[in-house]
Each structure stands twice: as C-alpha cells, then as structure tokens.
Amino acid sequence: MEARVRKALKLAQVRPELEWDKDIFSTAVLENLGGHASLRIYWRIQSPSIFRGDDSLIAMVLPLEGALGSDEGASQSDPTPVELPFVSVQKYLKTIGIRVPEIVFIDMNLGVLLLEDLGTTMFENRVLDEPDAVEDLYKEAIDFLVDFQNKSMADKTKSCLCWSKSFDKTLLEWELEHYIEWGVDAIKEGDFFEGIRNDIKERFSKLAEDLCALPQALVFRDYQSRNIMWKKDEWVAIDFQDALQGPYIYDLVALLRDSYIELDPEMVRRLVDYYADQKLPWTLSKEEIHVAFDMQSLQRKLKDTGRFVYIDKVKGNDSFLQYYDPSLAYVKNALKNLPFKDDPVWNKIVQNG
C-alpha cells in the first residue's frame, strides 16, 4: 500500500502547480493512520511545503475493488455511481461554498487520492479541551450545518449524484432491522423478541413513514464530532461521501446525539432551540422540531447501537463496543419524549440491556 502512495506522488509531479522536488516520491515520510471502521486507509505524507505552505498531505487509499461502494447501507433505488462519491460530493460542496478538504491529485487505477491535510484537531478535541466553551462550540457547528442546509436547498441545479439518493422508507427500516440483527440477536441467547417480531416490524414501518413525511434535505449522514475538523480558524467538513436526501433533522441528531460525546440533556434541548431559531429553509415550530429530533434520535441511535456490534463481529474491530451503552441510553431518552412512550413493544425494543 505504501508503494501505491509513493507511485501516486511520482505521478502527481506532472501537475505544474505542484513544485515538488523530483525525488519526493522516495524522500517523503509516510505515516499509516489506519482507517477506523472504513474501507479506506489514510496515510500522512510529510515533506517541506508540499501543498500551499503546509508540510503534509493526506493520502486516501481505496480498495482496488469495490471503491465506488459505501460503508453504509443504501437504498435499492439509488443509482450506481460512475464517479467516486467522495470526489463527486466534494466538487459539489465546493461549488455551493461549503468548506471541505482540497483534492490535490486522483489516480483511480492506483486507488489513491492526495488530499489537503486538515491537521489533527477534530471538533471532539476542541470540546474536550475547552469545557467552558462547549455550548458555544456546538452553536458554531450548528451554524455550519444551517449554512449547508440553506445553500444546498437554494441550489436549483441539484446536479450532484447525492441528490439522486435518498433515505427512503426501505433504507430507514433496514437500519432499524440492523439493530435487531446485530444489537440484539447477535449478542443475546435465545429469542429476546419471541412473539412480537411482527409487532416490531409494524413499529419500525410507522417510524420510517413518519420520518419520510418530514421535510427532506441534503444530509451529510455522519455529521459528528470526529468528522468536523478545525484548521486556520475555520471548521471543515469531512466524511461526506455518503451524502443523500433525508429528513432535515438527521444531521442535527448526528451532531447532538454523538456516541463519542455525551451532552447534558438540558444543553441538548437549548441547542435544538438554537437551531430552531435560525433562518431555515422550512417553517416549523419549535415543538415540531423537538418531536422530529426525538423520532430521528430513536431511529439513528438504534442503528448505531447495532452498527457497533456489526463492526466488532464482522470487521473484527471491537473499539466501538464502548459506545453501545451510550447509544442505547440516547434511544431510551428519546422514547421518553415521544407520544408512544408507554407502548409495550417500543419499551421491549429499547430495554434489551
């Protein structure tokens, strides 16, 4: 894999704006950053003034087969991509004025992209390092999200492939079933849901229908504390390759119900109010936004709970299991705020721990 990165460096020298030393492909220092739960592996490339005054670049190394696929579930109606989704969505976000990492060089035969290095300061780092500024930091992230929603909804061309994909009812239900399959069945002895599986399907179907009935927007899909970077006094979005149409509230839930950072419930409520007070592309009351937030939290965090077990059992990475209980706690909290909070089937679903 390192050889592929070095070959990409050598090929990239043909670009006239890259005034690299002719031996950079052999002299650059490479550091393997891994890929977490992704199909992609990242490397940091260090060499003096390699890009716009920075001393480093990031290489994204893709699998040589299946690179156009997604790490996440997809709707069967989604079109087959002809361009790497990361590249397609990056171009689109740049076009509408959203800060994303620059793409320096692409070679799909090698399966290597050279990207601007955004450094090591994630939103998560800022939150953990600045406890007195947490709420203000989240307001900044919400401002970024609102800007994205306004600019994308104002776009009349809808030219990006991401506008052709959607969180339809089938995909939302698949994510909920992912929780049953992995978050419960894969770790429980016996049939925990014996006798009520049809009832569960009915509940999941109704929740998915209600979410599809919300105003739909373009969503990043994984807008959370480890996918927002801080560089030179501005926030930068990453991990946007799975962007698609979905419930407008989806990204706000991903941000405020982040499995990696647990926020005080009252702070979450204030931040949802803050979002509701912004100039949004839809006219909704605060009450409607709070209900939508809790419905989406129920769906998203059930999916996350199952996903962490899936990553352990299928991909052999147990590092996400520590977020199983926090995600399930979010689910229980969301249910308490919804009209069907006393439904025995829903309570059986969320009380599996």
Protein backbone atom coordinates (compact mmCIF):
# COMPACT_ATOMS: atom_id res chain seq x y z
CA MET A 1 0.00 0.00 0.00
CA GLU A 2 2.87 2.39 0.75
CA ALA A 3 4.21 1.70 -2.73
CA ARG A 4 0.90 2.85 -4.22
CA VAL A 5 1.11 6.12 -2.30
CA ARG A 6 4.68 6.77 -3.42
CA LYS A 7 3.79 6.00 -7.02
CA ALA A 8 0.92 8.50 -6.79
CA LEU A 9 3.37 11.13 -5.55
CA LYS A 10 5.59 10.49 -8.54
CA LEU A 11 2.68 10.70 -10.99
CA ALA A 12 1.33 13.87 -9.36
CA GLN A 13 4.52 15.76 -10.23
CA VAL A 14 3.21 16.31 -13.76
CA ARG A 15 0.87 18.99 -12.37
CA PRO A 16 2.64 22.33 -12.98
CA GLU A 17 1.29 23.97 -9.81
CA LEU A 18 2.96 21.30 -7.65
CA GLU A 19 6.57 22.45 -7.45
CA TRP A 20 7.79 19.29 -5.78
CA ASP A 21 11.30 18.02 -5.56
CA LYS A 22 11.76 15.36 -8.24
CA ASP A 23 12.66 12.79 -5.56
CA ILE A 24 9.68 13.49 -3.28
CA PHE A 25 8.21 10.06 -4.03
CA SER A 26 11.19 8.47 -2.28
CA THR A 27 12.11 11.13 0.29
CA ALA A 28 8.68 11.94 1.75
CA VAL A 29 7.97 10.46 5.19
CA LEU A 30 4.79 8.35 5.27
CA GLU A 31 2.74 7.55 8.36
CA ASN A 32 -0.09 4.99 8.26
CA LEU A 33 -3.12 6.50 10.03
CA GLY A 34 -5.37 3.47 9.59
CA GLY A 35 -9.00 3.59 8.58
CA HIS A 36 -11.08 3.08 11.73
CA ALA A 37 -14.29 1.35 10.54
CA SER A 38 -13.89 2.46 6.93
CA LEU A 39 -12.93 0.68 3.72
CA ARG A 40 -10.42 3.48 3.19
CA ILE A 41 -6.93 3.66 4.67
CA TYR A 42 -5.28 7.02 5.31
CA TRP A 43 -1.61 7.99 5.23
CA ARG A 44 0.04 11.26 6.21
CA ILE A 45 2.73 12.37 3.76
CA GLN A 46 5.33 14.75 5.20
CA SER A 47 7.62 16.88 3.07
CA PRO A 48 8.54 20.60 3.30
CA SER A 49 5.95 22.96 1.75
CA ILE A 50 4.22 20.15 -0.03
CA PHE A 51 0.90 21.96 -0.55
CA ARG A 52 0.05 25.65 -0.14
CA GLY A 53 2.66 26.15 2.53
CA ASP A 54 1.68 23.03 4.51
CA ASP A 55 4.31 20.42 5.23
CA SER A 56 1.97 17.47 4.78
CA LEU A 57 -0.72 15.90 2.66
CA ILE A 58 -3.15 13.06 3.31
CA ALA A 59 -3.35 10.06 1.02
CA MET A 60 -6.69 8.26 0.90
CA VAL A 61 -6.05 4.71 -0.27
CA LEU A 62 -9.08 2.84 -1.60
CA PRO A 63 -9.64 -0.88 -2.05
CA LEU A 64 -8.79 -1.83 -5.62
CA GLU A 65 -12.19 -3.48 -5.94
CA GLY A 66 -15.50 -2.02 -4.76
CA ALA A 67 -14.15 1.52 -4.34
CA LEU A 68 -17.41 3.04 -5.59
CA GLY A 69 -19.38 1.29 -2.86
CA SER A 70 -20.43 2.63 0.53
CA ASP A 71 -19.58 1.59 4.08
CA GLU A 72 -23.20 2.30 4.93
CA GLY A 73 -26.47 0.81 3.75
CA ALA A 74 -28.03 2.11 0.54
CA SER A 75 -31.47 2.20 -0.99
CA GLN A 76 -32.04 -0.26 -3.83
CA SER A 77 -33.35 2.63 -5.92
CA ASP A 78 -30.09 4.58 -5.66
CA PRO A 79 -28.27 4.98 -9.00
CA THR A 80 -24.92 3.27 -9.48
CA PRO A 81 -22.17 5.89 -9.14
CA VAL A 82 -19.87 6.42 -12.13
CA GLU A 83 -17.52 8.67 -10.17
CA LEU A 84 -16.07 8.13 -6.73
CA PRO A 85 -18.75 9.54 -4.39
CA PHE A 86 -16.14 11.36 -2.30
CA VAL A 87 -14.97 13.23 -5.40
CA SER A 88 -18.45 13.95 -6.72
CA VAL A 89 -19.74 15.30 -3.41
CA GLN A 90 -16.53 17.24 -2.69
CA LYS A 91 -16.85 19.07 -6.01
CA TYR A 92 -20.48 19.84 -5.30
CA LEU A 93 -19.90 21.13 -1.78
CA LYS A 94 -17.10 23.38 -3.02
CA THR A 95 -19.40 24.72 -5.72
CA ILE A 96 -22.07 25.79 -3.21
CA GLY A 97 -19.47 27.28 -0.84
CA ILE A 98 -19.05 24.65 1.87
CA ARG A 99 -15.53 24.23 3.28
CA VAL A 100 -14.20 20.76 2.53
CA PRO A 101 -10.64 19.44 2.04
CA GLU A 102 -9.00 20.21 -1.28
CA ILE A 103 -8.29 17.31 -3.64
CA VAL A 104 -4.73 17.59 -4.93
CA PHE A 105 -4.45 14.51 -7.16
CA ILE A 106 -6.52 11.44 -8.11
CA ASP A 107 -5.41 8.19 -9.69
CA MET A 108 -8.21 5.64 -9.67
CA ASN A 109 -6.00 2.97 -11.26
CA LEU A 110 -3.85 3.15 -8.13
CA GLY A 111 -6.85 3.80 -5.92
CA VAL A 112 -5.11 6.80 -4.35
CA LEU A 113 -6.31 10.34 -3.70
CA LEU A 114 -3.96 13.02 -2.38
CA LEU A 115 -5.82 15.48 -0.16
CA GLU A 116 -5.19 18.64 1.80
CA ASP A 117 -4.09 17.77 5.35
CA LEU A 118 -6.50 19.33 7.82
CA GLY A 119 -4.29 18.55 10.79
CA THR A 120 -5.29 16.67 13.92
CA THR A 121 -7.77 18.96 15.67
CA MET A 122 -11.24 17.48 15.46
CA PHE A 123 -14.38 19.08 16.85
CA GLU A 124 -14.17 16.38 19.54
CA ASN A 125 -10.74 17.67 20.61
CA ARG A 126 -11.99 21.24 20.96
CA VAL A 127 -14.98 20.12 23.04
CA LEU A 128 -12.86 18.01 25.39
CA ASP A 129 -10.12 20.63 25.71
CA GLU A 130 -12.43 23.62 26.25
CA PRO A 131 -15.10 22.56 28.80
CA ASP A 132 -16.22 26.15 29.40
CA ALA A 133 -16.89 26.70 25.70
CA VAL A 134 -18.80 23.52 24.84
CA GLU A 135 -22.18 25.10 24.15
CA ASP A 136 -20.65 27.88 22.06
CA LEU A 137 -18.68 25.32 20.04
CA TYR A 138 -21.84 23.37 19.30
CA LYS A 139 -23.53 26.57 18.20
CA GLU A 140 -20.69 27.07 15.72
CA ALA A 141 -21.22 23.55 14.39
CA ILE A 142 -24.94 24.22 14.10
CA ASP A 143 -24.20 27.45 12.21
CA PHE A 144 -22.08 25.42 9.78
CA LEU A 145 -24.94 22.92 9.37
CA VAL A 146 -27.55 25.64 8.82
CA ASP A 147 -25.31 27.28 6.20
CA PHE A 148 -25.01 23.91 4.44
CA GLN A 149 -28.77 23.36 4.55
CA ASN A 150 -29.58 26.82 3.23
CA LYS A 151 -27.01 26.70 0.43
CA SER A 152 -27.87 23.17 -0.70
CA MET A 153 -31.63 23.78 -0.60
CA ALA A 154 -31.19 27.03 -2.55
CA ASP A 155 -29.31 25.21 -5.31
CA LYS A 156 -31.63 24.83 -8.28
CA THR A 157 -29.44 22.52 -10.32
CA LYS A 158 -29.32 19.59 -7.85
CA SER A 159 -26.54 18.33 -10.14
CA CYS A 160 -24.68 16.12 -7.67
CA LEU A 161 -25.32 12.38 -7.56
CA CYS A 162 -26.12 12.82 -3.85
CA TRP A 163 -29.45 14.41 -4.83
CA SER A 164 -30.38 11.18 -6.62
CA LYS A 165 -30.02 9.10 -3.45
CA SER A 166 -32.36 9.14 -0.51
CA PHE A 167 -33.13 7.84 2.95
CA ASP A 168 -36.33 6.24 1.78
CA LYS A 169 -38.61 4.10 3.94
CA THR A 170 -36.81 0.90 2.93
CA LEU A 171 -33.39 2.21 3.98
CA LEU A 172 -34.67 3.61 7.28
CA GLU A 173 -36.30 0.26 8.07
CA TRP A 174 -33.13 -1.59 7.07
CA GLU A 175 -31.16 0.47 9.60
CA LEU A 176 -33.68 -0.33 12.31
CA GLU A 177 -33.53 -4.04 11.45
CA HIS A 178 -29.73 -3.73 11.62
CA TYR A 179 -30.19 -3.02 15.32
CA ILE A 180 -32.36 -6.12 15.80
CA GLU A 181 -29.94 -8.34 13.86
CA TRP A 182 -26.72 -7.12 15.45
CA GLY A 183 -27.58 -5.06 18.51
CA VAL A 184 -29.79 -7.77 20.00
CA ASP A 185 -29.92 -11.12 18.17
CA ALA A 186 -26.15 -11.36 17.70
CA ILE A 187 -25.43 -10.95 21.42
CA LYS A 188 -28.46 -12.46 23.16
CA GLU A 189 -29.07 -16.08 23.98
CA GLY A 190 -32.48 -17.27 22.89
CA ASP A 191 -35.19 -15.24 21.15
CA PHE A 192 -35.39 -11.99 23.10
CA PHE A 193 -38.25 -10.77 20.90
CA GLU A 194 -40.18 -14.03 20.73
CA GLY A 195 -43.80 -13.47 19.82
CA ILE A 196 -43.52 -9.75 18.98
CA ARG A 197 -41.37 -9.63 15.86
CA ASN A 198 -44.32 -8.74 13.62
CA ASP A 199 -45.28 -6.02 16.10
CA ILE A 200 -41.72 -4.68 15.92
CA LYS A 201 -41.89 -4.55 12.12
CA GLU A 202 -45.11 -2.55 12.38
CA ARG A 203 -43.49 -0.06 14.80
CA PHE A 204 -40.44 0.30 12.57
CA SER A 205 -42.62 0.80 9.49
CA LYS A 206 -44.63 3.56 11.19
CA LEU A 207 -41.50 5.34 12.45
CA ALA A 208 -39.93 5.21 8.97
CA GLU A 209 -43.13 6.59 7.43
CA ASP A 210 -43.21 9.46 9.91
CA LEU A 211 -39.57 10.33 9.20
CA CYS A 212 -40.17 10.25 5.44
CA ALA A 213 -43.08 12.65 5.95
CA LEU A 214 -40.73 15.30 7.39
CA PRO A 215 -39.26 17.99 5.10
CA GLN A 216 -36.41 16.37 3.22
CA ALA A 217 -32.97 17.93 2.76
CA LEU A 218 -29.48 17.02 1.70
CA VAL A 219 -27.75 15.43 4.71
CA PHE A 220 -24.07 14.71 5.35
CA ARG A 221 -25.21 11.48 7.06
CA ASP A 222 -22.41 11.36 9.63
CA TYR A 223 -22.04 14.95 10.81
CA GLN A 224 -20.47 14.32 14.21
CA SER A 225 -17.54 15.35 16.37
CA ARG A 226 -14.91 13.24 14.60
CA ASN A 227 -15.95 14.37 11.14
CA ILE A 228 -15.55 18.12 11.64
CA MET A 229 -12.00 19.48 11.60
CA TRP A 230 -10.52 22.80 12.74
CA LYS A 231 -7.91 24.41 10.52
CA LYS A 232 -6.76 28.02 10.40
CA ASP A 233 -9.73 29.39 12.33
CA GLU A 234 -12.45 27.64 10.38
CA TRP A 235 -14.44 24.43 10.51
CA VAL A 236 -14.07 21.91 7.68
CA ALA A 237 -16.45 19.02 6.94
CA ILE A 238 -15.10 15.56 6.14
CA ASP A 239 -16.71 12.12 5.62
CA PHE A 240 -19.38 13.47 3.30
CA GLN A 241 -19.16 10.81 0.59
CA ASP A 242 -22.42 9.16 1.69
CA ALA A 243 -24.44 12.38 1.48
CA LEU A 244 -28.02 11.90 0.29
CA GLN A 245 -31.52 13.25 0.73
CA GLY A 246 -33.08 12.55 4.10
CA PRO A 247 -35.07 14.04 6.98
CA TYR A 248 -33.92 17.62 7.60
CA ILE A 249 -33.26 16.83 11.27
CA TYR A 250 -30.88 13.92 10.57
CA ASP A 251 -27.58 15.80 10.77
CA LEU A 252 -28.60 17.69 13.90
CA VAL A 253 -29.25 14.34 15.60
CA ALA A 254 -25.88 13.01 14.40
CA LEU A 255 -24.21 16.07 15.94
CA LEU A 256 -26.05 16.36 19.27
CA ARG A 257 -26.59 12.62 19.86
CA ASP A 258 -22.98 11.79 19.07
CA SER A 259 -21.95 8.47 20.62
CA TYR A 260 -18.48 9.82 21.38
CA ILE A 261 -19.50 12.87 23.42
CA GLU A 262 -22.36 12.80 25.91
CA LEU A 263 -24.05 16.16 26.35
CA ASP A 264 -26.24 17.26 29.22
CA PRO A 265 -29.91 16.77 28.18
CA GLU A 266 -30.76 20.37 29.06
CA MET A 267 -27.91 21.61 26.88
CA VAL A 268 -29.19 19.46 24.03
CA ARG A 269 -32.62 20.99 24.43
CA ARG A 270 -31.17 24.50 24.33
CA LEU A 271 -29.14 23.66 21.24
CA VAL A 272 -32.19 22.27 19.44
CA ASP A 273 -33.92 25.54 20.32
CA TYR A 274 -30.90 27.42 18.95
CA TYR A 275 -31.22 25.51 15.68
CA ALA A 276 -34.94 26.25 15.55
CA ASP A 277 -34.22 29.97 15.96
CA GLN A 278 -32.05 30.12 12.83
CA LYS A 279 -33.22 31.12 9.38
CA LEU A 280 -34.07 27.69 7.99
CA PRO A 281 -35.37 26.58 4.57
CA TRP A 282 -38.58 25.28 6.21
CA THR A 283 -41.14 26.85 8.50
CA LEU A 284 -41.68 24.67 11.57
CA SER A 285 -42.48 25.33 15.20
CA LYS A 286 -40.00 24.53 17.96
CA GLU A 287 -42.33 21.80 19.18
CA GLU A 288 -42.35 20.15 15.75
CA ILE A 289 -38.57 20.33 15.56
CA HIS A 290 -38.17 18.75 19.01
CA VAL A 291 -40.54 15.90 18.12
CA ALA A 292 -38.69 15.29 14.86
CA PHE A 293 -35.39 15.37 16.75
CA ASP A 294 -36.55 12.65 19.15
CA MET A 295 -38.04 10.49 16.39
CA GLN A 296 -34.82 10.67 14.39
CA SER A 297 -32.76 10.04 17.56
CA LEU A 298 -34.74 6.85 18.13
CA GLN A 299 -34.03 5.64 14.60
CA ARG A 300 -30.42 6.81 14.26
CA LYS A 301 -29.20 5.60 17.64
CA LEU A 302 -30.85 2.20 17.30
CA LYS A 303 -28.96 1.84 14.04
CA ASP A 304 -25.70 2.97 15.69
CA THR A 305 -26.14 0.51 18.54
CA GLY A 306 -26.37 -2.37 16.10
CA ARG A 307 -23.60 -0.97 13.91
CA PHE A 308 -21.04 -1.07 16.72
CA VAL A 309 -21.67 -4.79 17.24
CA TYR A 310 -21.55 -5.40 13.49
CA ILE A 311 -18.15 -3.69 13.24
CA ASP A 312 -16.88 -5.93 16.02
CA LYS A 313 -18.24 -9.25 14.77
CA VAL A 314 -17.87 -8.72 11.02
CA LYS A 315 -14.87 -6.40 10.72
CA GLY A 316 -13.01 -7.60 13.81
CA ASN A 317 -12.83 -4.12 15.36
CA ASP A 318 -14.10 -4.04 18.95
CA SER A 319 -13.08 -0.43 19.63
CA PHE A 320 -16.64 0.82 19.05
CA LEU A 321 -18.30 -1.50 21.55
CA GLN A 322 -17.69 1.06 24.30
CA TYR A 323 -20.29 3.27 22.58
CA TYR A 324 -23.03 0.63 22.63
CA ASP A 325 -24.44 1.62 26.04
CA PRO A 326 -24.28 5.41 25.44
CA SER A 327 -26.15 4.96 22.15
CA LEU A 328 -28.82 2.83 23.78
CA ALA A 329 -29.16 5.45 26.54
CA TYR A 330 -29.91 8.05 23.85
CA VAL A 331 -32.60 5.74 22.47
CA LYS A 332 -34.26 5.40 25.87
CA ASN A 333 -34.10 9.15 26.42
CA ALA A 334 -35.70 9.85 23.04
CA LEU A 335 -38.55 7.39 23.63
CA LYS A 336 -39.46 9.13 26.90
CA ASN A 337 -40.25 12.29 24.93
CA LEU A 338 -42.44 10.71 22.26
CA PRO A 339 -46.23 10.18 22.25
CA PHE A 340 -45.82 6.38 22.14
CA LYS A 341 -43.52 6.30 25.19
CA ASP A 342 -45.83 3.84 27.00
CA ASP A 343 -46.13 1.42 24.10
CA PRO A 344 -45.06 -2.00 25.49
CA VAL A 345 -43.50 -3.09 22.20
CA TRP A 346 -41.33 0.01 21.93
CA ASN A 347 -40.31 -0.41 25.56
CA LYS A 348 -39.34 -4.02 24.90
CA ILE A 349 -37.27 -2.87 21.89
CA VAL A 350 -35.23 -0.34 23.85
CA GLN A 351 -34.95 -2.25 27.14
CA ASN A 352 -32.76 -5.02 25.83
CA GLY A 353 -29.82 -4.21 28.13
